[in-house]
Amino acid sequence: FRLASLMQPITQLVFLIWSCVIIAYGNDSGKLTVAEVVGASISFGTYTGAIGITYAHELCHRHSSLDKYLGIMNLILVCYPHFNIEHNKGHHKMIATEEDPA
């Protein structure tokens, strides 16, 4: 489980770069159609939203500085870096109260 958790942010970054290159320059058969670009964007957005944030949440709770760094990097990739601060300093301190931001 630890190896999968550590590899997920790196895999997500590689897929992001690869997707941007394919969208910008096309693939072997030429430029992508609008439908293909929209489909790729929805697929990648769903993956990062469902899988990426879940792994980032887990990594940010760990004690290892490498784990925390990869979790924060993953949150940056999904444009949600403030989650780590709000979740750990807000939600965990005020859990199940009126002030709980969750």
PDB file of N, CA and C in Angstrom:
ATOM      1  N   PHE A   1       0.820  -1.193   0.000  1.00  0.00           N
ATOM      2  CA  PHE A   1       0.000   0.000   0.000  1.00  0.00           C
ATOM      3  C   PHE A   1       0.865   1.259   0.000  1.00  0.00           C
ATOM      4  N   ARG A   2       1.976   1.241   0.701  1.00  0.00           N
ATOM      5  CA  ARG A   2       2.842   2.422   0.752  1.00  0.00           C
ATOM      6  C   ARG A   2       3.411   2.749  -0.627  1.00  0.00           C
ATOM      7  N   LEU A   3       3.869   1.741  -1.360  1.00  0.00           N
ATOM      8  CA  LEU A   3       4.430   1.984  -2.682  1.00  0.00           C
ATOM      9  C   LEU A   3       3.378   2.569  -3.626  1.00  0.00           C
ATOM     10  N   ALA A   4       2.177   2.032  -3.593  1.00  0.00           N
ATOM     11  CA  ALA A   4       1.096   2.564  -4.440  1.00  0.00           C
ATOM     12  C   ALA A   4       0.792   4.010  -4.076  1.00  0.00           C
ATOM     13  N   SER A   5       0.793   4.315  -2.795  1.00  0.00           N
ATOM     14  CA  SER A   5       0.522   5.689  -2.349  1.00  0.00           C
ATOM     15  C   SER A   5       1.608   6.649  -2.806  1.00  0.00           C
ATOM     16  N   LEU A   6       2.852   6.203  -2.780  1.00  0.00           N
ATOM     17  CA  LEU A   6       3.957   7.068  -3.190  1.00  0.00           C
ATOM     18  C   LEU A   6       4.034   7.220  -4.706  1.00  0.00           C
ATOM     19  N   MET A   7       3.619   6.221  -5.443  1.00  0.00           N
ATOM     20  CA  MET A   7       3.693   6.270  -6.900  1.00  0.00           C
ATOM     21  C   MET A   7       2.537   7.049  -7.523  1.00  0.00           C
ATOM     22  N   GLN A   8       1.408   7.148  -6.839  1.00  0.00           N
ATOM     23  CA  GLN A   8       0.237   7.781  -7.436  1.00  0.00           C
ATOM     24  C   GLN A   8       0.487   9.236  -7.826  1.00  0.00           C
ATOM     25  N   PRO A   9       1.050  10.097  -6.975  1.00  0.00           N
ATOM     26  CA  PRO A   9       1.279  11.486  -7.406  1.00  0.00           C
ATOM     27  C   PRO A   9       2.242  11.586  -8.588  1.00  0.00           C
ATOM     28  N   ILE A  10       3.248  10.726  -8.622  1.00  0.00           N
ATOM     29  CA  ILE A  10       4.198  10.740  -9.729  1.00  0.00           C
ATOM     30  C   ILE A  10       3.508  10.281 -11.009  1.00  0.00           C
ATOM     31  N   THR A  11       2.706   9.229 -10.915  1.00  0.00           N
ATOM     32  CA  THR A  11       1.944   8.740 -12.065  1.00  0.00           C
ATOM     33  C   THR A  11       0.989   9.811 -12.566  1.00  0.00           C
ATOM     34  N   GLN A  12       0.339  10.506 -11.657  1.00  0.00           N
ATOM     35  CA  GLN A  12      -0.591  11.557 -12.043  1.00  0.00           C
ATOM     36  C   GLN A  12       0.132  12.693 -12.768  1.00  0.00           C
ATOM     37  N   LEU A  13       1.308  13.058 -12.305  1.00  0.00           N
ATOM     38  CA  LEU A  13       2.087  14.107 -12.962  1.00  0.00           C
ATOM     39  C   LEU A  13       2.503  13.674 -14.369  1.00  0.00           C
ATOM     40  N   VAL A  14       2.940  12.428 -14.509  1.00  0.00           N
ATOM     41  CA  VAL A  14       3.323  11.915 -15.829  1.00  0.00           C
ATOM     42  C   VAL A  14       2.118  11.918 -16.767  1.00  0.00           C
ATOM     43  N   PHE A  15       0.974  11.458 -16.294  1.00  0.00           N
ATOM     44  CA  PHE A  15      -0.231  11.461 -17.126  1.00  0.00           C
ATOM     45  C   PHE A  15      -0.654  12.877 -17.503  1.00  0.00           C
ATOM     46  N   LEU A  16      -0.492  13.820 -16.599  1.00  0.00           N
ATOM     47  CA  LEU A  16      -0.839  15.209 -16.905  1.00  0.00           C
ATOM     48  C   LEU A  16       0.055  15.748 -18.021  1.00  0.00           C
ATOM     49  N   ILE A  17       1.350  15.532 -17.909  1.00  0.00           N
ATOM     50  CA  ILE A  17       2.281  16.005 -18.943  1.00  0.00           C
ATOM     51  C   ILE A  17       1.990  15.311 -20.271  1.00  0.00           C
ATOM     52  N   TRP A  18       1.807  14.006 -20.234  1.00  0.00           N
ATOM     53  CA  TRP A  18       1.511  13.242 -21.449  1.00  0.00           C
ATOM     54  C   TRP A  18       0.217  13.734 -22.097  1.00  0.00           C
ATOM     55  N   SER A  19      -0.810  13.963 -21.301  1.00  0.00           N
ATOM     56  CA  SER A  19      -2.089  14.448 -21.838  1.00  0.00           C
ATOM     57  C   SER A  19      -1.935  15.812 -22.490  1.00  0.00           C
ATOM     58  N   CYS A  20      -1.197  16.695 -21.863  1.00  0.00           N
ATOM     59  CA  CYS A  20      -0.983  18.031 -22.436  1.00  0.00           C
ATOM     60  C   CYS A  20      -0.237  17.950 -23.763  1.00  0.00           C
ATOM     61  N   VAL A  21       0.750  17.075 -23.844  1.00  0.00           N
ATOM     62  CA  VAL A  21       1.509  16.908 -25.090  1.00  0.00           C
ATOM     63  C   VAL A  21       0.602  16.349 -26.183  1.00  0.00           C
ATOM     64  N   ILE A  22      -0.187  15.341 -25.865  1.00  0.00           N
ATOM     65  CA  ILE A  22      -1.085  14.738 -26.859  1.00  0.00           C
ATOM     66  C   ILE A  22      -2.124  15.758 -27.323  1.00  0.00           C
ATOM     67  N   ILE A  23      -2.692  16.522 -26.404  1.00  0.00           N
ATOM     68  CA  ILE A  23      -3.691  17.525 -26.785  1.00  0.00           C
ATOM     69  C   ILE A  23      -3.049  18.621 -27.630  1.00  0.00           C
ATOM     70  N   ALA A  24      -1.853  19.040 -27.279  1.00  0.00           N
ATOM     71  CA  ALA A  24      -1.199  20.135 -28.007  1.00  0.00           C
ATOM     72  C   ALA A  24      -0.694  19.703 -29.382  1.00  0.00           C
ATOM     73  N   TYR A  25      -0.095  18.522 -29.468  1.00  0.00           N
ATOM     74  CA  TYR A  25       0.565  18.112 -30.716  1.00  0.00           C
ATOM     75  C   TYR A  25      -0.129  16.981 -31.454  1.00  0.00           C
ATOM     76  N   GLY A  26      -1.143  16.371 -30.852  1.00  0.00           N
ATOM     77  CA  GLY A  26      -1.826  15.261 -31.508  1.00  0.00           C
ATOM     78  C   GLY A  26      -1.134  13.938 -31.252  1.00  0.00           C
ATOM     79  N   ASN A  27      -1.702  12.910 -31.876  1.00  0.00           N
ATOM     80  CA  ASN A  27      -1.108  11.574 -31.759  1.00  0.00           C
ATOM     81  C   ASN A  27      -0.664  11.115 -33.140  1.00  0.00           C
ATOM     82  N   ASP A  28      -0.443   9.825 -33.316  1.00  0.00           N
ATOM     83  CA  ASP A  28       0.055   9.310 -34.601  1.00  0.00           C
ATOM     84  C   ASP A  28      -0.878   9.604 -35.766  1.00  0.00           C
ATOM     85  N   SER A  29      -2.169   9.683 -35.503  1.00  0.00           N
ATOM     86  CA  SER A  29      -3.131   9.924 -36.582  1.00  0.00           C
ATOM     87  C   SER A  29      -3.467  11.410 -36.753  1.00  0.00           C
ATOM     88  N   GLY A  30      -2.725  12.280 -36.121  1.00  0.00           N
ATOM     89  CA  GLY A  30      -2.946  13.716 -36.290  1.00  0.00           C
ATOM     90  C   GLY A  30      -3.527  14.365 -35.051  1.00  0.00           C
ATOM     91  N   LYS A  31      -4.035  15.572 -35.232  1.00  0.00           N
ATOM     92  CA  LYS A  31      -4.610  16.335 -34.114  1.00  0.00           C
ATOM     93  C   LYS A  31      -5.874  15.655 -33.592  1.00  0.00           C
ATOM     94  N   LEU A  32      -6.146  15.850 -32.327  1.00  0.00           N
ATOM     95  CA  LEU A  32      -7.351  15.298 -31.727  1.00  0.00           C
ATOM     96  C   LEU A  32      -8.563  16.136 -32.104  1.00  0.00           C
ATOM     97  N   THR A  33      -9.698  15.486 -32.177  1.00  0.00           N
ATOM     98  CA  THR A  33     -10.935  16.212 -32.430  1.00  0.00           C
ATOM     99  C   THR A  33     -11.384  16.890 -31.136  1.00  0.00           C
ATOM    100  N   VAL A  34     -12.342  17.783 -31.246  1.00  0.00           N
ATOM    101  CA  VAL A  34     -12.869  18.463 -30.061  1.00  0.00           C
ATOM    102  C   VAL A  34     -13.474  17.443 -29.099  1.00  0.00           C
ATOM    103  N   ALA A  35     -14.184  16.471 -29.634  1.00  0.00           N
ATOM    104  CA  ALA A  35     -14.799  15.436 -28.788  1.00  0.00           C
ATOM    105  C   ALA A  35     -13.733  14.640 -28.029  1.00  0.00           C
ATOM    106  N   GLU A  36     -12.626  14.350 -28.689  1.00  0.00           N
ATOM    107  CA  GLU A  36     -11.546  13.607 -28.024  1.00  0.00           C
ATOM    108  C   GLU A  36     -10.898  14.439 -26.925  1.00  0.00           C
ATOM    109  N   VAL A  37     -10.712  15.716 -27.164  1.00  0.00           N
ATOM    110  CA  VAL A  37     -10.133  16.600 -26.150  1.00  0.00           C
ATOM    111  C   VAL A  37     -11.078  16.720 -24.960  1.00  0.00           C
ATOM    112  N   VAL A  38     -12.379  16.905 -25.231  1.00  0.00           N
ATOM    113  CA  VAL A  38     -13.363  17.000 -24.146  1.00  0.00           C
ATOM    114  C   VAL A  38     -13.409  15.688 -23.362  1.00  0.00           C
ATOM    115  N   GLY A  39     -13.420  14.570 -24.062  1.00  0.00           N
ATOM    116  CA  GLY A  39     -13.432  13.268 -23.389  1.00  0.00           C
ATOM    117  C   GLY A  39     -12.199  13.040 -22.532  1.00  0.00           C
ATOM    118  N   ALA A  40     -11.037  13.412 -23.075  1.00  0.00           N
ATOM    119  CA  ALA A  40      -9.796  13.261 -22.309  1.00  0.00           C
ATOM    120  C   ALA A  40      -9.802  14.158 -21.080  1.00  0.00           C
ATOM    121  N   SER A  41     -10.313  15.367 -21.228  1.00  0.00           N
ATOM    122  CA  SER A  41     -10.366  16.305 -20.098  1.00  0.00           C
ATOM    123  C   SER A  41     -11.300  15.813 -19.007  1.00  0.00           C
ATOM    124  N   ILE A  42     -12.458  15.309 -19.399  1.00  0.00           N
ATOM    125  CA  ILE A  42     -13.408  14.776 -18.409  1.00  0.00           C
ATOM    126  C   ILE A  42     -12.818  13.550 -17.716  1.00  0.00           C
ATOM    127  N   SER A  43     -12.187  12.672 -18.487  1.00  0.00           N
ATOM    128  CA  SER A  43     -11.586  11.468 -17.902  1.00  0.00           C
ATOM    129  C   SER A  43     -10.486  11.816 -16.912  1.00  0.00           C
ATOM    130  N   PHE A  44      -9.596  12.716 -17.312  1.00  0.00           N
ATOM    131  CA  PHE A  44      -8.490  13.077 -16.431  1.00  0.00           C
ATOM    132  C   PHE A  44      -9.007  13.819 -15.196  1.00  0.00           C
ATOM    133  N   GLY A  45      -9.989  14.692 -15.386  1.00  0.00           N
ATOM    134  CA  GLY A  45     -10.569  15.412 -14.252  1.00  0.00           C
ATOM    135  C   GLY A  45     -11.234  14.477 -13.260  1.00  0.00           C
ATOM    136  N   THR A  46     -11.932  13.487 -13.771  1.00  0.00           N
ATOM    137  CA  THR A  46     -12.581  12.504 -12.895  1.00  0.00           C
ATOM    138  C   THR A  46     -11.543  11.686 -12.141  1.00  0.00           C
ATOM    139  N   TYR A  47     -10.496  11.268 -12.849  1.00  0.00           N
ATOM    140  CA  TYR A  47      -9.436  10.490 -12.211  1.00  0.00           C
ATOM    141  C   TYR A  47      -8.764  11.294 -11.098  1.00  0.00           C
ATOM    142  N   THR A  48      -8.364  12.524 -11.405  1.00  0.00           N
ATOM    143  CA  THR A  48      -7.662  13.314 -10.396  1.00  0.00           C
ATOM    144  C   THR A  48      -8.574  13.684  -9.233  1.00  0.00           C
ATOM    145  N   GLY A  49      -9.838  13.932  -9.538  1.00  0.00           N
ATOM    146  CA  GLY A  49     -10.772  14.282  -8.470  1.00  0.00           C
ATOM    147  C   GLY A  49     -11.096  13.115  -7.562  1.00  0.00           C
ATOM    148  N   ALA A  50     -11.269  11.943  -8.136  1.00  0.00           N
ATOM    149  CA  ALA A  50     -11.653  10.777  -7.338  1.00  0.00           C
ATOM    150  C   ALA A  50     -10.448  10.073  -6.728  1.00  0.00           C
ATOM    151  N   ILE A  51      -9.450   9.817  -7.526  1.00  0.00           N
ATOM    152  CA  ILE A  51      -8.296   9.052  -7.055  1.00  0.00           C
ATOM    153  C   ILE A  51      -7.230   9.969  -6.470  1.00  0.00           C
ATOM    154  N   GLY A  52      -6.908  11.042  -7.183  1.00  0.00           N
ATOM    155  CA  GLY A  52      -5.817  11.922  -6.765  1.00  0.00           C
ATOM    156  C   GLY A  52      -6.037  12.557  -5.403  1.00  0.00           C
ATOM    157  N   ILE A  53      -7.224  13.089  -5.173  1.00  0.00           N
ATOM    158  CA  ILE A  53      -7.495  13.739  -3.884  1.00  0.00           C
ATOM    159  C   ILE A  53      -7.547  12.708  -2.762  1.00  0.00           C
ATOM    160  N   THR A  54      -8.041  11.524  -3.053  1.00  0.00           N
ATOM    161  CA  THR A  54      -8.094  10.473  -2.029  1.00  0.00           C
ATOM    162  C   THR A  54      -6.689  10.071  -1.584  1.00  0.00           C
ATOM    163  N   TYR A  55      -5.802   9.860  -2.540  1.00  0.00           N
ATOM    164  CA  TYR A  55      -4.415   9.524  -2.193  1.00  0.00           C
ATOM    165  C   TYR A  55      -3.732  10.699  -1.492  1.00  0.00           C
ATOM    166  N   ALA A  56      -3.974  11.907  -1.976  1.00  0.00           N
ATOM    167  CA  ALA A  56      -3.360  13.082  -1.344  1.00  0.00           C
ATOM    168  C   ALA A  56      -3.815  13.205   0.107  1.00  0.00           C
ATOM    169  N   HIS A  57      -5.084  12.964   0.370  1.00  0.00           N
ATOM    170  CA  HIS A  57      -5.613  13.009   1.731  1.00  0.00           C
ATOM    171  C   HIS A  57      -4.870  12.022   2.624  1.00  0.00           C
ATOM    172  N   GLU A  58      -4.700  10.808   2.122  1.00  0.00           N
ATOM    173  CA  GLU A  58      -3.993   9.789   2.891  1.00  0.00           C
ATOM    174  C   GLU A  58      -2.532  10.185   3.125  1.00  0.00           C
ATOM    175  N   LEU A  59      -1.864  10.668   2.088  1.00  0.00           N
ATOM    176  CA  LEU A  59      -0.447  11.021   2.211  1.00  0.00           C
ATOM    177  C   LEU A  59      -0.235  12.192   3.166  1.00  0.00           C
ATOM    178  N   CYS A  60      -1.132  13.159   3.174  1.00  0.00           N
ATOM    179  CA  CYS A  60      -0.979  14.329   4.047  1.00  0.00           C
ATOM    180  C   CYS A  60      -1.142  13.987   5.525  1.00  0.00           C
ATOM    181  N   HIS A  61      -1.754  12.834   5.825  1.00  0.00           N
ATOM    182  CA  HIS A  61      -1.919  12.409   7.217  1.00  0.00           C
ATOM    183  C   HIS A  61      -0.704  11.657   7.752  1.00  0.00           C
ATOM    184  N   ARG A  62       0.202  11.290   6.904  1.00  0.00           N
ATOM    185  CA  ARG A  62       1.353  10.488   7.331  1.00  0.00           C
ATOM    186  C   ARG A  62       2.421  11.363   7.971  1.00  0.00           C
ATOM    187  N   HIS A  63       3.312  10.724   8.704  1.00  0.00           N
ATOM    188  CA  HIS A  63       4.358  11.447   9.431  1.00  0.00           C
ATOM    189  C   HIS A  63       5.608  11.703   8.602  1.00  0.00           C
ATOM    190  N   SER A  64       5.859  10.884   7.606  1.00  0.00           N
ATOM    191  CA  SER A  64       7.047  11.036   6.776  1.00  0.00           C
ATOM    192  C   SER A  64       6.968  12.330   5.959  1.00  0.00           C
ATOM    193  N   SER A  65       8.058  13.078   5.926  1.00  0.00           N
ATOM    194  CA  SER A  65       8.059  14.330   5.160  1.00  0.00           C
ATOM    195  C   SER A  65       7.937  14.056   3.661  1.00  0.00           C
ATOM    196  N   LEU A  66       8.457  12.930   3.172  1.00  0.00           N
ATOM    197  CA  LEU A  66       8.297  12.577   1.760  1.00  0.00           C
ATOM    198  C   LEU A  66       6.826  12.359   1.433  1.00  0.00           C
ATOM    199  N   ASP A  67       6.132  11.627   2.296  1.00  0.00           N
ATOM    200  CA  ASP A  67       4.709  11.379   2.086  1.00  0.00           C
ATOM    201  C   ASP A  67       3.930  12.693   2.054  1.00  0.00           C
ATOM    202  N   LYS A  68       4.208  13.557   3.020  1.00  0.00           N
ATOM    203  CA  LYS A  68       3.500  14.843   3.070  1.00  0.00           C
ATOM    204  C   LYS A  68       3.807  15.682   1.835  1.00  0.00           C
ATOM    205  N   TYR A  69       5.067  15.688   1.403  1.00  0.00           N
ATOM    206  CA  TYR A  69       5.449  16.450   0.210  1.00  0.00           C
ATOM    207  C   TYR A  69       4.694  15.939  -1.019  1.00  0.00           C
ATOM    208  N   LEU A  70       4.652  14.614  -1.201  1.00  0.00           N
ATOM    209  CA  LEU A  70       3.948  14.050  -2.350  1.00  0.00           C
ATOM    210  C   LEU A  70       2.447  14.309  -2.264  1.00  0.00           C
ATOM    211  N   GLY A  71       1.903  14.289  -1.057  1.00  0.00           N
ATOM    212  CA  GLY A  71       0.482  14.612  -0.893  1.00  0.00           C
ATOM    213  C   GLY A  71       0.180  16.052  -1.282  1.00  0.00           C
ATOM    214  N   ILE A  72       1.028  16.968  -0.853  1.00  0.00           N
ATOM    215  CA  ILE A  72       0.842  18.379  -1.204  1.00  0.00           C
ATOM    216  C   ILE A  72       1.055  18.588  -2.701  1.00  0.00           C
ATOM    217  N   MET A  73       2.053  17.910  -3.283  1.00  0.00           N
ATOM    218  CA  MET A  73       2.266  18.009  -4.720  1.00  0.00           C
ATOM    219  C   MET A  73       1.033  17.524  -5.483  1.00  0.00           C
ATOM    220  N   ASN A  74       0.447  16.453  -5.006  1.00  0.00           N
ATOM    221  CA  ASN A  74      -0.759  15.920  -5.629  1.00  0.00           C
ATOM    222  C   ASN A  74      -1.914  16.909  -5.519  1.00  0.00           C
ATOM    223  N   LEU A  75      -2.052  17.560  -4.385  1.00  0.00           N
ATOM    224  CA  LEU A  75      -3.104  18.569  -4.223  1.00  0.00           C
ATOM    225  C   LEU A  75      -2.867  19.764  -5.132  1.00  0.00           C
ATOM    226  N   ILE A  76      -1.616  20.129  -5.355  1.00  0.00           N
ATOM    227  CA  ILE A  76      -1.302  21.220  -6.282  1.00  0.00           C
ATOM    228  C   ILE A  76      -1.709  20.819  -7.697  1.00  0.00           C
ATOM    229  N   LEU A  77      -1.488  19.572  -8.068  1.00  0.00           N
ATOM    230  CA  LEU A  77      -1.852  19.103  -9.410  1.00  0.00           C
ATOM    231  C   LEU A  77      -3.352  19.166  -9.666  1.00  0.00           C
ATOM    232  N   VAL A  78      -4.158  19.067  -8.618  1.00  0.00           N
ATOM    233  CA  VAL A  78      -5.613  19.144  -8.789  1.00  0.00           C
ATOM    234  C   VAL A  78      -6.151  20.517  -8.383  1.00  0.00           C
ATOM    235  N   CYS A  79      -5.236  21.477  -8.244  1.00  0.00           N
ATOM    236  CA  CYS A  79      -5.606  22.875  -7.912  1.00  0.00           C
ATOM    237  C   CYS A  79      -6.388  22.965  -6.597  1.00  0.00           C
ATOM    238  N   TYR A  80      -5.964  22.205  -5.607  1.00  0.00           N
ATOM    239  CA  TYR A  80      -6.650  22.171  -4.311  1.00  0.00           C
ATOM    240  C   TYR A  80      -5.640  22.135  -3.160  1.00  0.00           C
ATOM    241  N   PRO A  81      -4.554  22.950  -3.222  1.00  0.00           N
ATOM    242  CA  PRO A  81      -3.512  22.840  -2.201  1.00  0.00           C
ATOM    243  C   PRO A  81      -3.955  23.282  -0.811  1.00  0.00           C
ATOM    244  N   HIS A  82      -4.966  24.120  -0.737  1.00  0.00           N
ATOM    245  CA  HIS A  82      -5.423  24.597   0.568  1.00  0.00           C
ATOM    246  C   HIS A  82      -6.153  23.518   1.361  1.00  0.00           C
ATOM    247  N   PHE A  83      -6.495  22.395   0.728  1.00  0.00           N
ATOM    248  CA  PHE A  83      -7.171  21.303   1.432  1.00  0.00           C
ATOM    249  C   PHE A  83      -6.343  20.822   2.617  1.00  0.00           C
ATOM    250  N   ASN A  84      -5.047  20.671   2.445  1.00  0.00           N
ATOM    251  CA  ASN A  84      -4.187  20.160   3.510  1.00  0.00           C
ATOM    252  C   ASN A  84      -4.268  21.042   4.753  1.00  0.00           C
ATOM    253  N   ILE A  85      -4.213  22.340   4.565  1.00  0.00           N
ATOM    254  CA  ILE A  85      -4.260  23.259   5.706  1.00  0.00           C
ATOM    255  C   ILE A  85      -5.637  23.226   6.357  1.00  0.00           C
ATOM    256  N   GLU A  86      -6.670  23.387   5.546  1.00  0.00           N
ATOM    257  CA  GLU A  86      -8.023  23.436   6.095  1.00  0.00           C
ATOM    258  C   GLU A  86      -8.419  22.116   6.749  1.00  0.00           C
ATOM    259  N   HIS A  87      -8.049  21.011   6.121  1.00  0.00           N
ATOM    260  CA  HIS A  87      -8.444  19.714   6.650  1.00  0.00           C
ATOM    261  C   HIS A  87      -7.753  19.410   7.979  1.00  0.00           C
ATOM    262  N   ASN A  88      -6.439  19.607   8.027  1.00  0.00           N
ATOM    263  CA  ASN A  88      -5.691  19.247   9.235  1.00  0.00           C
ATOM    264  C   ASN A  88      -5.804  20.287  10.349  1.00  0.00           C
ATOM    265  N   LYS A  89      -5.845  21.557  10.009  1.00  0.00           N
ATOM    266  CA  LYS A  89      -5.885  22.598  11.039  1.00  0.00           C
ATOM    267  C   LYS A  89      -7.301  23.069  11.364  1.00  0.00           C
ATOM    268  N   GLY A  90      -8.241  22.809  10.462  1.00  0.00           N
ATOM    269  CA  GLY A  90      -9.618  23.208  10.705  1.00  0.00           C
ATOM    270  C   GLY A  90     -10.490  22.025  11.096  1.00  0.00           C
ATOM    271  N   HIS A  91     -10.681  21.126  10.158  1.00  0.00           N
ATOM    272  CA  HIS A  91     -11.578  19.988  10.368  1.00  0.00           C
ATOM    273  C   HIS A  91     -11.151  19.109  11.543  1.00  0.00           C
ATOM    274  N   HIS A  92      -9.883  18.764  11.625  1.00  0.00           N
ATOM    275  CA  HIS A  92      -9.443  17.853  12.685  1.00  0.00           C
ATOM    276  C   HIS A  92      -9.485  18.500  14.064  1.00  0.00           C
ATOM    277  N   LYS A  93      -9.353  19.804  14.146  1.00  0.00           N
ATOM    278  CA  LYS A  93      -9.425  20.467  15.459  1.00  0.00           C
ATOM    279  C   LYS A  93     -10.863  20.687  15.905  1.00  0.00           C
ATOM    280  N   MET A  94     -11.769  20.857  14.928  1.00  0.00           N
ATOM    281  CA  MET A  94     -13.160  21.201  15.273  1.00  0.00           C
ATOM    282  C   MET A  94     -14.147  20.127  14.821  1.00  0.00           C
ATOM    283  N   ILE A  95     -13.680  18.897  14.731  1.00  0.00           N
ATOM    284  CA  ILE A  95     -14.532  17.822  14.188  1.00  0.00           C
ATOM    285  C   ILE A  95     -15.819  17.679  15.003  1.00  0.00           C
ATOM    286  N   ALA A  96     -16.911  17.524  14.279  1.00  0.00           N
ATOM    287  CA  ALA A  96     -18.246  17.292  14.837  1.00  0.00           C
ATOM    288  C   ALA A  96     -18.753  18.446  15.699  1.00  0.00           C
ATOM    289  N   THR A  97     -18.304  19.660  15.407  1.00  0.00           N
ATOM    290  CA  THR A  97     -18.817  20.842  16.096  1.00  0.00           C
ATOM    291  C   THR A  97     -19.458  21.763  15.061  1.00  0.00           C
ATOM    292  N   GLU A  98     -20.090  22.813  15.523  1.00  0.00           N
ATOM    293  CA  GLU A  98     -20.694  23.796  14.628  1.00  0.00           C
ATOM    294  C   GLU A  98     -19.634  24.497  13.766  1.00  0.00           C
ATOM    295  N   GLU A  99     -18.421  24.625  14.288  1.00  0.00           N
ATOM    296  CA  GLU A  99     -17.356  25.342  13.575  1.00  0.00           C
ATOM    297  C   GLU A  99     -16.621  24.456  12.577  1.00  0.00           C
ATOM    298  N   ASP A 100     -16.927  23.158  12.545  1.00  0.00           N
ATOM    299  CA  ASP A 100     -16.253  22.234  11.633  1.00  0.00           C
ATOM    300  C   ASP A 100     -16.521  22.655  10.196  1.00  0.00           C
ATOM    301  N   PRO A 101     -15.456  22.979   9.429  1.00  0.00           N
ATOM    302  CA  PRO A 101     -15.655  23.420   8.053  1.00  0.00           C
ATOM    303  C   PRO A 101     -16.052  22.301   7.090  1.00  0.00           C
ATOM    304  N   ALA A 102     -15.966  21.052   7.501  1.00  0.00           N
ATOM    305  CA  ALA A 102     -16.269  19.936   6.595  1.00  0.00           C
ATOM    306  C   ALA A 102     -17.746  19.781   6.356  1.00  0.00           C
TER     307      ALA A 102
END
